[in-house]
């Protein structure tokens, strides 16, 4: 959860700095940093999935699933939501 919140804040902050026109640039730069940050954490937790202790194994599995989920949400879903809300706000200002 912490990685997901931090990553979303970084992506949103860069989006606010760069603007909607440069969202692809934000995803290439900040999105890449978010991806590699999550990847390094994922590698650490996935190694626990191979532990013999069932408790450690389940922690490794669940943390790995969580890291993948929040990373996909922050790199794919969150920018889509930002774009949708921006277009909706722009349309409502025209009316």
C-alpha atoms as a PDB file:
ATOM      1  CA  UNK A   1       0.000   0.000   0.000  1.00  0.00           C
ATOM      2  CA  UNK A   2       2.807   2.412   0.847  1.00  0.00           C
ATOM      3  CA  UNK A   3       4.542   1.880  -2.475  1.00  0.00           C
ATOM      4  CA  UNK A   4       1.266   2.432  -4.295  1.00  0.00           C
ATOM      5  CA  UNK A   5       0.560   5.706  -2.507  1.00  0.00           C
ATOM      6  CA  UNK A   6       4.091   7.022  -2.989  1.00  0.00           C
ATOM      7  CA  UNK A   7       4.114   6.086  -6.655  1.00  0.00           C
ATOM      8  CA  UNK A   8       0.735   7.701  -7.294  1.00  0.00           C
ATOM      9  CA  UNK A   9       1.913  10.906  -5.602  1.00  0.00           C
ATOM     10  CA  UNK A  10       5.059  10.999  -7.745  1.00  0.00           C
ATOM     11  CA  UNK A  11       3.131  10.408 -10.982  1.00  0.00           C
ATOM     12  CA  UNK A  12       0.465  12.987 -10.096  1.00  0.00           C
ATOM     13  CA  UNK A  13       3.013  15.581  -9.014  1.00  0.00           C
ATOM     14  CA  UNK A  14       4.923  15.225 -12.279  1.00  0.00           C
ATOM     15  CA  UNK A  15       1.660  15.386 -14.228  1.00  0.00           C
ATOM     16  CA  UNK A  16       0.826  18.658 -12.457  1.00  0.00           C
ATOM     17  CA  UNK A  17       4.281  20.051 -13.298  1.00  0.00           C
ATOM     18  CA  UNK A  18       4.357  18.919 -16.931  1.00  0.00           C
ATOM     19  CA  UNK A  19       0.669  19.191 -17.878  1.00  0.00           C
ATOM     20  CA  UNK A  20      -1.674  16.830 -19.662  1.00  0.00           C
ATOM     21  CA  UNK A  21       0.070  17.397 -22.993  1.00  0.00           C
ATOM     22  CA  UNK A  22       3.231  15.755 -21.648  1.00  0.00           C
ATOM     23  CA  UNK A  23       1.607  12.821 -19.872  1.00  0.00           C
ATOM     24  CA  UNK A  24       3.460  10.363 -22.102  1.00  0.00           C
ATOM     25  CA  UNK A  25       6.753  12.037 -21.095  1.00  0.00           C
ATOM     26  CA  UNK A  26       5.749  11.780 -17.434  1.00  0.00           C
ATOM     27  CA  UNK A  27       5.035   8.085 -17.870  1.00  0.00           C
ATOM     28  CA  UNK A  28       8.362   7.506 -19.619  1.00  0.00           C
ATOM     29  CA  UNK A  29      10.392   9.263 -16.937  1.00  0.00           C
ATOM     30  CA  UNK A  30       8.528   9.033 -13.644  1.00  0.00           C
ATOM     31  CA  UNK A  31       6.681   5.896 -14.726  1.00  0.00           C
ATOM     32  CA  UNK A  32      10.025   4.228 -15.421  1.00  0.00           C
ATOM     33  CA  UNK A  33      11.296   5.179 -11.983  1.00  0.00           C
ATOM     34  CA  UNK A  34       8.090   3.870 -10.407  1.00  0.00           C
ATOM     35  CA  UNK A  35       8.402   0.630 -12.364  1.00  0.00           C
ATOM     36  CA  UNK A  36      12.016  -0.029 -11.398  1.00  0.00           C
ATOM     37  CA  UNK A  37      11.400   0.921  -7.786  1.00  0.00           C
ATOM     38  CA  UNK A  38       8.543  -1.563  -7.630  1.00  0.00           C
ATOM     39  CA  UNK A  39      10.629  -4.149  -9.458  1.00  0.00           C
ATOM     40  CA  UNK A  40      13.414  -4.051  -6.889  1.00  0.00           C
ATOM     41  CA  UNK A  41      10.930  -4.377  -4.046  1.00  0.00           C
ATOM     42  CA  UNK A  42       9.124  -7.157  -5.908  1.00  0.00           C
ATOM     43  CA  UNK A  43      12.334  -9.151  -6.287  1.00  0.00           C
ATOM     44  CA  UNK A  44      12.929  -8.919  -2.544  1.00  0.00           C
ATOM     45  CA  UNK A  45       9.447 -10.113  -1.654  1.00  0.00           C
ATOM     46  CA  UNK A  46       9.127 -12.782  -4.338  1.00  0.00           C
ATOM     47  CA  UNK A  47      12.192 -14.457  -2.882  1.00  0.00           C
ATOM     48  CA  UNK A  48      10.145 -15.036   0.274  1.00  0.00           C
ATOM     49  CA  UNK A  49       7.632 -17.002  -1.793  1.00  0.00           C
ATOM     50  CA  UNK A  50      10.211 -19.778  -2.052  1.00  0.00           C
ATOM     51  CA  UNK A  51      10.725 -20.082   1.704  1.00  0.00           C
ATOM     52  CA  UNK A  52       9.970 -23.357   3.444  1.00  0.00           C
ATOM     53  CA  UNK A  53       8.074 -21.618   6.239  1.00  0.00           C
ATOM     54  CA  UNK A  54       4.421 -21.232   5.190  1.00  0.00           C
ATOM     55  CA  UNK A  55       4.032 -17.886   6.917  1.00  0.00           C
ATOM     56  CA  UNK A  56       7.008 -16.362   5.127  1.00  0.00           C
ATOM     57  CA  UNK A  57       5.876 -17.948   1.885  1.00  0.00           C
ATOM     58  CA  UNK A  58       2.402 -16.415   2.099  1.00  0.00           C
ATOM     59  CA  UNK A  59       3.819 -12.987   2.978  1.00  0.00           C
ATOM     60  CA  UNK A  60       6.060 -13.163  -0.074  1.00  0.00           C
ATOM     61  CA  UNK A  61       3.228 -14.211  -2.345  1.00  0.00           C
ATOM     62  CA  UNK A  62       0.725 -11.630  -1.129  1.00  0.00           C
ATOM     63  CA  UNK A  63       3.221  -8.764  -1.059  1.00  0.00           C
ATOM     64  CA  UNK A  64       4.309  -9.627  -4.595  1.00  0.00           C
ATOM     65  CA  UNK A  65       0.719  -9.632  -5.842  1.00  0.00           C
ATOM     66  CA  UNK A  66       0.130  -6.304  -4.100  1.00  0.00           C
ATOM     67  CA  UNK A  67       3.223  -4.713  -5.618  1.00  0.00           C
ATOM     68  CA  UNK A  68       2.240  -5.839  -9.106  1.00  0.00           C
ATOM     69  CA  UNK A  69      -1.317  -4.597  -8.628  1.00  0.00           C
ATOM     70  CA  UNK A  70      -0.431  -1.105  -7.411  1.00  0.00           C
ATOM     71  CA  UNK A  71       2.268  -0.714 -10.051  1.00  0.00           C
ATOM     72  CA  UNK A  72      -0.129  -1.599 -12.865  1.00  0.00           C
ATOM     73  CA  UNK A  73      -2.717   0.747 -11.367  1.00  0.00           C
ATOM     74  CA  UNK A  74      -0.229   3.621 -11.131  1.00  0.00           C
ATOM     75  CA  UNK A  75       1.280   3.193 -14.583  1.00  0.00           C
ATOM     76  CA  UNK A  76      -1.838   2.270 -16.580  1.00  0.00           C
ATOM     77  CA  UNK A  77      -5.072   2.934 -14.697  1.00  0.00           C
ATOM     78  CA  UNK A  78      -4.142   6.183 -12.938  1.00  0.00           C
ATOM     79  CA  UNK A  79      -3.056   8.020 -16.129  1.00  0.00           C
ATOM     80  CA  UNK A  80      -6.264   6.876 -17.834  1.00  0.00           C
ATOM     81  CA  UNK A  81      -8.310   8.311 -14.973  1.00  0.00           C
ATOM     82  CA  UNK A  82      -6.335  11.568 -15.064  1.00  0.00           C
ATOM     83  CA  UNK A  83      -6.930  11.886 -18.816  1.00  0.00           C
ATOM     84  CA  UNK A  84     -10.629  11.086 -18.495  1.00  0.00           C
ATOM     85  CA  UNK A  85     -11.171  13.618 -15.702  1.00  0.00           C
ATOM     86  CA  UNK A  86      -9.208  16.276 -17.581  1.00  0.00           C
ATOM     87  CA  UNK A  87     -11.313  15.799 -20.728  1.00  0.00           C
ATOM     88  CA  UNK A  88     -14.532  15.782 -18.703  1.00  0.00           C
ATOM     89  CA  UNK A  89     -13.557  19.012 -16.922  1.00  0.00           C
ATOM     90  CA  UNK A  90     -12.590  20.618 -20.230  1.00  0.00           C
ATOM     91  CA  UNK A  91     -15.942  19.667 -21.784  1.00  0.00           C
ATOM     92  CA  UNK A  92     -17.892  21.016 -18.819  1.00  0.00           C
ATOM     93  CA  UNK A  93     -16.057  24.368 -19.083  1.00  0.00           C
ATOM     94  CA  UNK A  94     -17.128  24.648 -22.735  1.00  0.00           C
ATOM     95  CA  UNK A  95     -20.790  24.275 -21.822  1.00  0.00           C
END
